[in-house]
């Protein structure tokens, strides 16, 4: 494979930030960065109007609206805070959660529930297999105490895409509330709330919306959330009170991440200008296709079968060479201007490469060339 014509050497990115090939935080546009070079008063009417606009636009991405009874609740903290807030607020004291997991982020759900002393049961699936609706169906028949079902849509441990619609329809048929961690999929993979039966979806601006960390958001039916009044085990994670605060004043209850809000406003403008979910997903898919084709020429193939692999992030097993060191590989790529992600699998040594963020197929071509040069250096191959 030859380097793209516009690459003179591996220092081509020296005039800019290193490119992030991660599942988030990720590479953002210059205009998103510039949007945050301002101060905003957290009580000021202009800032509150901006918060209201962002809430409406997030619903619009999901083809939902407040007129249809839906709400977007912004919450300070990372996406993990949002998932925990849903559990802390929306699972009653006598509730029980069935967690479907095939990776680190599903396992984190179980850890949250254990920490909060919320009754739960975990259905484990192998890390290279989608979660199994059939196992859930049997469990829901056997255990009538279950009130909620929770899963990760795109498990970034591997990049596997889980069957959110099949699981959601099953949960709805058994009258269970359905909680979906869509951190790495919202904004790039279509999600039909009605057909998927989703009651609570959690995501974050610093993923496919191409903004920065600082807060998360929860999409849910207003009445479903209000029915959880007085259930929260936490003050700061109480989503009912957070919603009521927005209702009363238009403000966050506690200090908001003002600069991150400004960043998301600009990122949403760019998302809309690009063409929304379909266009963004098409760019990410093109990134993924270029990555897989380029690394295949180097003898590196994805850990997952193509039929279950998303175009968000991809895990690659280490090269079968005793000279390979991930630390050396990672540092060498960093010196060339490219940041990748370590693996999280429990049984196989992998590294991961994200194909989301403000990156394009030409950036992927540069990365592939840098990987080739790096492997030649550390493996001493011709």
Protein backbone atom coordinates (compact mmCIF):
# COMPACT_ATOMS: atom_id res chain seq x y z
CA UNK A 1 0.00 0.00 0.00
CA UNK A 2 1.36 3.42 -0.94
CA UNK A 3 0.79 6.58 1.11
CA UNK A 4 -1.87 9.00 -0.17
CA UNK A 5 -0.40 11.66 -2.45
CA UNK A 6 -1.08 14.45 0.03
CA UNK A 7 1.11 12.85 2.72
CA UNK A 8 4.72 13.96 2.70
CA UNK A 9 5.68 12.12 5.87
CA UNK A 10 4.23 10.93 9.16
CA UNK A 11 4.51 14.42 10.65
CA UNK A 12 1.73 15.72 8.39
CA UNK A 13 -0.49 16.37 11.41
CA UNK A 14 2.08 18.51 13.23
CA UNK A 15 0.21 21.74 12.54
CA UNK A 16 -2.94 20.50 14.30
CA UNK A 17 -4.03 18.43 17.26
CA UNK A 18 -3.31 14.74 17.07
CA UNK A 19 -6.22 12.90 15.47
CA UNK A 20 -8.28 10.80 17.88
CA UNK A 21 -9.39 7.41 16.58
CA UNK A 22 -11.38 6.61 19.70
CA UNK A 23 -15.04 6.14 20.65
CA UNK A 24 -14.98 9.52 22.43
CA UNK A 25 -13.94 12.02 23.47
CA UNK A 26 -12.98 12.46 19.87
CA UNK A 27 -11.67 14.85 17.27
CA UNK A 28 -13.84 17.96 17.03
CA UNK A 29 -14.00 20.66 14.38
CA UNK A 30 -12.17 23.94 14.74
CA UNK A 31 -15.52 25.75 14.84
CA UNK A 32 -16.71 23.64 17.80
CA UNK A 33 -13.51 24.52 19.63
CA UNK A 34 -13.95 28.21 18.77
CA UNK A 35 -17.55 28.19 20.00
CA UNK A 36 -16.27 27.47 23.49
CA UNK A 37 -14.00 30.53 23.58
CA UNK A 38 -16.76 32.50 25.28
CA UNK A 39 -18.20 32.81 28.75
CA UNK A 40 -21.90 32.30 29.41
CA UNK A 41 -23.98 33.22 32.43
CA UNK A 42 -25.71 30.14 33.75
CA UNK A 43 -28.76 32.18 34.85
CA UNK A 44 -28.86 34.45 31.81
CA UNK A 45 -31.97 34.28 29.64
CA UNK A 46 -29.94 33.83 26.43
CA UNK A 47 -28.15 30.81 27.85
CA UNK A 48 -31.42 29.31 29.10
CA UNK A 49 -32.94 29.75 25.65
CA UNK A 50 -29.94 27.94 24.19
CA UNK A 51 -30.41 25.04 26.62
CA UNK A 52 -34.09 24.78 25.63
CA UNK A 53 -33.14 24.81 21.95
CA UNK A 54 -30.59 22.03 22.43
CA UNK A 55 -33.13 19.90 24.27
CA UNK A 56 -35.58 20.25 21.40
CA UNK A 57 -32.93 19.54 18.76
CA UNK A 58 -31.81 16.37 20.54
CA UNK A 59 -35.40 15.14 20.47
CA UNK A 60 -35.64 16.03 16.79
CA UNK A 61 -32.63 13.83 16.00
CA UNK A 62 -34.61 10.93 17.48
CA UNK A 63 -37.73 12.03 15.54
CA UNK A 64 -39.42 12.87 18.85
CA UNK A 65 -40.88 16.06 20.26
CA UNK A 66 -42.14 17.60 23.48
CA UNK A 67 -45.55 17.93 21.83
CA UNK A 68 -45.49 14.14 21.58
CA UNK A 69 -44.84 13.85 25.30
CA UNK A 70 -41.06 13.35 25.16
CA UNK A 71 -38.34 15.13 27.09
CA UNK A 72 -34.59 15.52 26.76
CA UNK A 73 -33.03 15.98 30.19
CA UNK A 74 -29.48 17.29 30.29
CA UNK A 75 -27.35 16.18 33.23
CA UNK A 76 -23.88 17.23 34.32
CA UNK A 77 -21.26 14.48 34.07
CA UNK A 78 -20.21 11.80 31.62
CA UNK A 79 -22.52 9.27 30.00
CA UNK A 80 -21.94 6.91 32.92
CA UNK A 81 -23.60 9.50 35.17
CA UNK A 82 -26.65 9.40 32.92
CA UNK A 83 -26.97 5.62 33.03
CA UNK A 84 -26.59 5.64 36.80
CA UNK A 85 -29.11 8.47 37.11
CA UNK A 86 -31.73 6.40 35.27
CA UNK A 87 -31.15 3.46 37.61
CA UNK A 88 -31.10 5.66 40.73
CA UNK A 89 -34.25 7.54 39.72
CA UNK A 90 -36.40 5.14 37.75
CA UNK A 91 -36.07 1.76 39.45
CA UNK A 92 -38.32 1.59 42.53
CA UNK A 93 -37.18 0.07 45.81
CA UNK A 94 -39.01 -3.15 44.94
CA UNK A 95 -37.82 -3.13 41.33
CA UNK A 96 -35.48 -5.56 39.65
CA UNK A 97 -33.37 -5.03 36.53
CA UNK A 98 -32.38 -7.62 33.94
CA UNK A 99 -29.05 -6.57 32.39
CA UNK A 100 -27.95 -8.04 29.07
CA UNK A 101 -24.22 -7.73 28.65
CA UNK A 102 -21.47 -8.77 26.26
CA UNK A 103 -18.79 -6.28 27.24
CA UNK A 104 -17.34 -3.81 29.70
CA UNK A 105 -20.16 -1.28 29.50
CA UNK A 106 -22.92 -3.78 30.10
CA UNK A 107 -20.86 -5.06 33.01
CA UNK A 108 -20.62 -1.50 34.29
CA UNK A 109 -24.41 -1.38 34.44
CA UNK A 110 -24.36 -4.40 36.74
CA UNK A 111 -21.69 -2.75 38.86
CA UNK A 112 -23.85 0.38 39.26
CA UNK A 113 -26.81 -1.71 40.37
CA UNK A 114 -24.69 -3.62 42.86
CA UNK A 115 -23.30 -0.37 44.30
CA UNK A 116 -26.81 1.05 44.67
CA UNK A 117 -28.15 -2.20 46.19
CA UNK A 118 -30.73 -2.47 43.41
CA UNK A 119 -31.91 -6.01 42.79
CA UNK A 120 -30.82 -7.30 39.40
CA UNK A 121 -29.92 -10.31 37.33
CA UNK A 122 -27.26 -10.42 34.62
CA UNK A 123 -27.46 -12.32 31.35
CA UNK A 124 -23.93 -12.72 30.02
CA UNK A 125 -23.14 -13.35 26.35
CA UNK A 126 -19.72 -13.97 24.83
CA UNK A 127 -17.92 -10.77 23.82
CA UNK A 128 -18.04 -11.68 20.13
CA UNK A 129 -21.76 -12.48 20.10
CA UNK A 130 -24.77 -10.14 20.26
CA UNK A 131 -26.88 -10.31 23.39
CA UNK A 132 -29.56 -13.00 23.15
CA UNK A 133 -33.27 -12.06 23.16
CA UNK A 134 -34.09 -15.77 23.56
CA UNK A 135 -32.33 -15.90 26.92
CA UNK A 136 -34.21 -12.79 28.04
CA UNK A 137 -37.53 -14.29 26.94
CA UNK A 138 -36.95 -17.34 29.12
CA UNK A 139 -35.86 -15.18 32.06
CA UNK A 140 -38.91 -12.92 31.87
CA UNK A 141 -41.18 -15.96 31.98
CA UNK A 142 -39.31 -17.45 34.93
CA UNK A 143 -38.77 -14.29 37.01
CA UNK A 144 -41.89 -12.16 37.42
CA UNK A 145 -40.07 -9.76 39.78
CA UNK A 146 -38.20 -8.14 36.89
CA UNK A 147 -39.47 -4.61 36.20
CA UNK A 148 -36.78 -3.21 33.88
CA UNK A 149 -34.53 -4.46 31.08
CA UNK A 150 -31.21 -2.71 30.34
CA UNK A 151 -28.62 -3.11 27.61
CA UNK A 152 -25.93 -1.32 25.60
CA UNK A 153 -26.80 -0.70 21.94
CA UNK A 154 -23.26 -0.47 20.55
CA UNK A 155 -20.83 -2.13 22.97
CA UNK A 156 -17.57 -0.30 22.48
CA UNK A 157 -15.57 -3.09 24.08
CA UNK A 158 -15.59 -4.61 20.59
CA UNK A 159 -17.83 -2.41 18.45
CA UNK A 160 -20.54 -5.06 18.37
CA UNK A 161 -24.07 -3.90 17.55
CA UNK A 162 -26.71 -5.44 19.79
CA UNK A 163 -30.32 -6.18 18.67
CA UNK A 164 -32.05 -3.26 20.33
CA UNK A 165 -35.34 -3.70 18.48
CA UNK A 166 -35.72 -7.42 19.25
CA UNK A 167 -34.89 -6.89 22.92
CA UNK A 168 -37.12 -3.83 23.19
CA UNK A 169 -40.12 -5.49 21.63
CA UNK A 170 -39.68 -8.41 23.99
CA UNK A 171 -39.47 -6.11 27.01
CA UNK A 172 -42.60 -4.28 25.89
CA UNK A 173 -44.54 -7.49 25.32
CA UNK A 174 -43.82 -8.38 28.97
CA UNK A 175 -44.61 -4.82 30.13
CA UNK A 176 -41.10 -4.07 31.34
CA UNK A 177 -39.46 -0.67 31.06
CA UNK A 178 -36.54 -0.67 28.61
CA UNK A 179 -33.30 1.25 29.30
CA UNK A 180 -30.78 1.68 26.48
CA UNK A 181 -27.22 2.95 26.69
CA UNK A 182 -26.86 4.47 23.21
CA UNK A 183 -23.70 6.37 24.05
CA UNK A 184 -21.79 5.34 20.93
CA UNK A 185 -24.66 4.99 18.49
CA UNK A 186 -26.98 7.99 18.92
CA UNK A 187 -26.61 10.36 16.00
CA UNK A 188 -25.06 7.89 13.55
CA UNK A 189 -27.16 4.71 13.71
CA UNK A 190 -30.93 5.10 13.22
CA UNK A 191 -32.96 4.26 16.34
CA UNK A 192 -36.72 3.94 16.02
CA UNK A 193 -38.08 4.59 19.52
CA UNK A 194 -41.54 3.25 18.73
CA UNK A 195 -40.45 -0.04 17.17
CA UNK A 196 -37.65 -0.51 19.71
CA UNK A 197 -39.94 0.15 22.66
CA UNK A 198 -37.38 2.39 24.36
CA UNK A 199 -38.43 4.07 27.60
CA UNK A 200 -35.09 5.64 28.59
CA UNK A 201 -32.19 6.30 26.20
CA UNK A 202 -28.90 7.72 27.47
CA UNK A 203 -26.22 9.30 25.31
CA UNK A 204 -23.52 11.94 25.33
CA UNK A 205 -22.47 14.90 23.16
CA UNK A 206 -18.87 13.70 22.85
CA UNK A 207 -19.63 10.75 20.61
CA UNK A 208 -21.42 10.81 17.24
CA UNK A 209 -22.61 14.38 17.75
CA UNK A 210 -18.94 15.43 17.64
CA UNK A 211 -18.94 17.77 20.60
CA UNK A 212 -17.04 17.70 23.91
CA UNK A 213 -17.50 16.01 27.30
CA UNK A 214 -19.17 17.74 30.22
CA UNK A 215 -22.73 16.46 30.31
CA UNK A 216 -25.00 13.68 29.12
CA UNK A 217 -28.65 13.52 28.14
CA UNK A 218 -31.59 11.22 28.71
CA UNK A 219 -34.52 10.93 26.29
CA UNK A 220 -37.76 9.62 27.79
CA UNK A 221 -41.50 10.05 27.97
CA UNK A 222 -42.39 12.87 30.36
CA UNK A 223 -45.14 10.93 32.13
CA UNK A 224 -42.99 7.82 32.48
CA UNK A 225 -40.34 9.88 34.25
CA UNK A 226 -42.77 11.84 36.42
CA UNK A 227 -44.19 8.52 37.64
CA UNK A 228 -40.78 8.02 39.30
CA UNK A 229 -41.27 10.98 41.66
CA UNK A 230 -39.66 10.46 45.10
CA UNK A 231 -37.88 7.25 44.05
CA UNK A 232 -34.39 8.65 43.58
CA UNK A 233 -31.66 7.35 45.85
CA UNK A 234 -29.49 10.36 44.92
CA UNK A 235 -29.84 14.13 45.10
CA UNK A 236 -27.65 15.19 42.19
CA UNK A 237 -28.73 12.27 39.96
CA UNK A 238 -32.48 12.81 40.50
CA UNK A 239 -33.84 13.11 36.96
CA UNK A 240 -37.34 14.07 38.08
CA UNK A 241 -36.00 17.06 39.99
CA UNK A 242 -33.69 17.90 37.09
CA UNK A 243 -36.69 18.00 34.74
CA UNK A 244 -38.74 20.04 37.18
CA UNK A 245 -35.88 22.50 37.47
CA UNK A 246 -35.90 23.00 33.72
CA UNK A 247 -39.70 23.38 33.88
CA UNK A 248 -39.54 26.06 36.59
CA UNK A 249 -36.61 28.18 35.50
CA UNK A 250 -35.14 26.77 32.29
CA UNK A 251 -31.94 26.23 34.25
CA UNK A 252 -29.83 23.35 35.49
CA UNK A 253 -30.37 22.76 39.21
CA UNK A 254 -26.64 22.99 39.84
CA UNK A 255 -23.72 24.63 38.01
CA UNK A 256 -24.03 23.79 34.31
CA UNK A 257 -21.14 23.00 31.94
CA UNK A 258 -21.57 26.28 30.09
CA UNK A 259 -18.70 25.91 27.63
CA UNK A 260 -19.70 22.35 26.73
CA UNK A 261 -23.24 23.60 26.05
CA UNK A 262 -21.84 26.23 23.66
CA UNK A 263 -19.79 23.53 21.96
CA UNK A 264 -22.80 21.26 21.44
CA UNK A 265 -24.83 24.11 19.98
CA UNK A 266 -22.22 24.52 17.25
CA UNK A 267 -21.80 20.77 16.83
CA UNK A 268 -25.54 20.38 16.28
CA UNK A 269 -25.46 23.07 13.60
CA UNK A 270 -22.76 21.08 11.82
CA UNK A 271 -24.66 17.83 12.34
CA UNK A 272 -27.76 19.34 10.72
CA UNK A 273 -25.75 20.87 7.88
CA UNK A 274 -24.11 17.53 7.12
CA UNK A 275 -27.49 15.86 6.72
CA UNK A 276 -28.31 14.35 10.10
CA UNK A 277 -28.15 10.73 11.12
CA UNK A 278 -28.11 9.27 7.61
CA UNK A 279 -25.25 11.43 6.32
CA UNK A 280 -23.15 11.12 9.45
CA UNK A 281 -23.62 7.37 9.53
CA UNK A 282 -22.61 7.16 5.87
CA UNK A 283 -19.36 9.02 6.56
CA UNK A 284 -18.55 6.79 9.51
CA UNK A 285 -19.32 3.69 7.45
CA UNK A 286 -16.97 4.93 4.72
CA UNK A 287 -14.30 5.49 7.38
CA UNK A 288 -14.78 1.95 8.66
CA UNK A 289 -14.64 0.42 5.17
CA UNK A 290 -11.37 2.21 4.37
CA UNK A 291 -9.91 1.13 7.71
CA UNK A 292 -10.78 -2.54 7.35
CA UNK A 293 -9.60 -2.70 3.73
CA UNK A 294 -6.33 -0.97 4.55
CA UNK A 295 -5.51 -3.05 7.62
CA UNK A 296 -6.44 -6.28 5.81
CA UNK A 297 -3.55 -5.53 3.44
CA UNK A 298 -1.33 -5.52 6.53
CA UNK A 299 -2.70 -8.84 7.77
CA UNK A 300 -4.88 -7.25 10.46
CA UNK A 301 -8.54 -8.23 10.53
CA UNK A 302 -11.37 -7.33 12.91
CA UNK A 303 -12.04 -9.48 15.94
CA UNK A 304 -15.77 -9.58 15.14
CA UNK A 305 -17.60 -11.13 12.21
CA UNK A 306 -18.70 -8.50 9.70
CA UNK A 307 -22.38 -9.26 10.29
CA UNK A 308 -22.30 -7.96 13.87
CA UNK A 309 -19.60 -5.29 13.54
CA UNK A 310 -20.67 -1.66 13.80
CA UNK A 311 -18.93 1.19 12.00
CA UNK A 312 -18.34 3.03 15.29
CA UNK A 313 -15.25 1.31 16.68
CA UNK A 314 -13.43 -1.88 15.68
CA UNK A 315 -11.26 -4.22 17.74
CA UNK A 316 -8.24 -5.84 16.05
CA UNK A 317 -6.27 -8.75 17.60
CA UNK A 318 -2.59 -8.11 18.12
CA UNK A 319 -0.27 -9.25 15.31
CA UNK A 320 1.02 -12.77 15.89
CA UNK A 321 4.60 -11.64 16.34
CA UNK A 322 6.59 -11.84 19.57
CA UNK A 323 8.16 -8.46 18.80
CA UNK A 324 4.81 -6.70 18.98
CA UNK A 325 4.30 -4.45 21.99
CA UNK A 326 1.11 -2.45 22.27
CA UNK A 327 2.86 0.24 24.29
CA UNK A 328 5.50 0.72 21.58
CA UNK A 329 2.84 0.56 18.86
CA UNK A 330 0.67 3.14 20.63
CA UNK A 331 3.52 5.54 21.36
CA UNK A 332 4.91 5.31 17.84
CA UNK A 333 1.51 6.13 16.33
CA UNK A 334 1.13 9.01 18.78
CA UNK A 335 4.47 10.43 17.65
CA UNK A 336 3.10 10.34 14.11
CA UNK A 337 0.00 12.28 15.17
CA UNK A 338 -2.54 9.46 15.66
CA UNK A 339 -4.18 8.35 18.92
CA UNK A 340 -5.85 4.92 18.99
CA UNK A 341 -7.49 3.01 21.85
CA UNK A 342 -6.34 0.03 23.93
CA UNK A 343 -8.43 -3.12 23.99
CA UNK A 344 -10.87 -4.13 26.73
CA UNK A 345 -11.50 -7.77 25.91
CA UNK A 346 -11.01 -10.29 28.70
CA UNK A 347 -9.84 -13.24 26.57
CA UNK A 348 -8.05 -11.76 23.54
CA UNK A 349 -5.38 -9.04 23.29
CA UNK A 350 -6.70 -6.33 21.01
CA UNK A 351 -6.36 -2.67 20.15
CA UNK A 352 -9.33 -0.61 19.03
CA UNK A 353 -9.76 2.04 16.38
CA UNK A 354 -12.72 4.41 16.35
CA UNK A 355 -14.05 5.74 13.08
CA UNK A 356 -16.26 8.49 14.49
CA UNK A 357 -15.60 12.16 15.15
CA UNK A 358 -14.55 14.89 12.75
CA UNK A 359 -12.48 12.50 10.65
CA UNK A 360 -12.86 11.45 7.05
CA UNK A 361 -11.70 8.60 4.78
CA UNK A 362 -8.54 10.54 3.89
CA UNK A 363 -7.66 10.67 7.59
CA UNK A 364 -8.16 6.91 7.79
CA UNK A 365 -5.82 6.46 4.83
CA UNK A 366 -3.18 8.45 6.69
CA UNK A 367 -3.69 6.31 9.77
CA UNK A 368 -3.32 3.10 7.79
CA UNK A 369 -0.09 4.36 6.27
CA UNK A 370 1.17 5.29 9.75
CA UNK A 371 0.26 1.83 11.07
CA UNK A 372 2.17 0.22 8.24
CA UNK A 373 5.25 2.32 8.91
CA UNK A 374 4.98 1.67 12.65
CA UNK A 375 4.70 -2.08 12.25
CA UNK A 376 7.70 -2.09 9.94
CA UNK A 377 9.65 -0.29 12.64
CA UNK A 378 8.67 -2.34 15.66
CA UNK A 379 8.45 -5.73 13.93
CA UNK A 380 11.47 -5.04 11.73
CA UNK A 381 9.65 -6.34 8.65
CA UNK A 382 10.60 -5.34 5.09
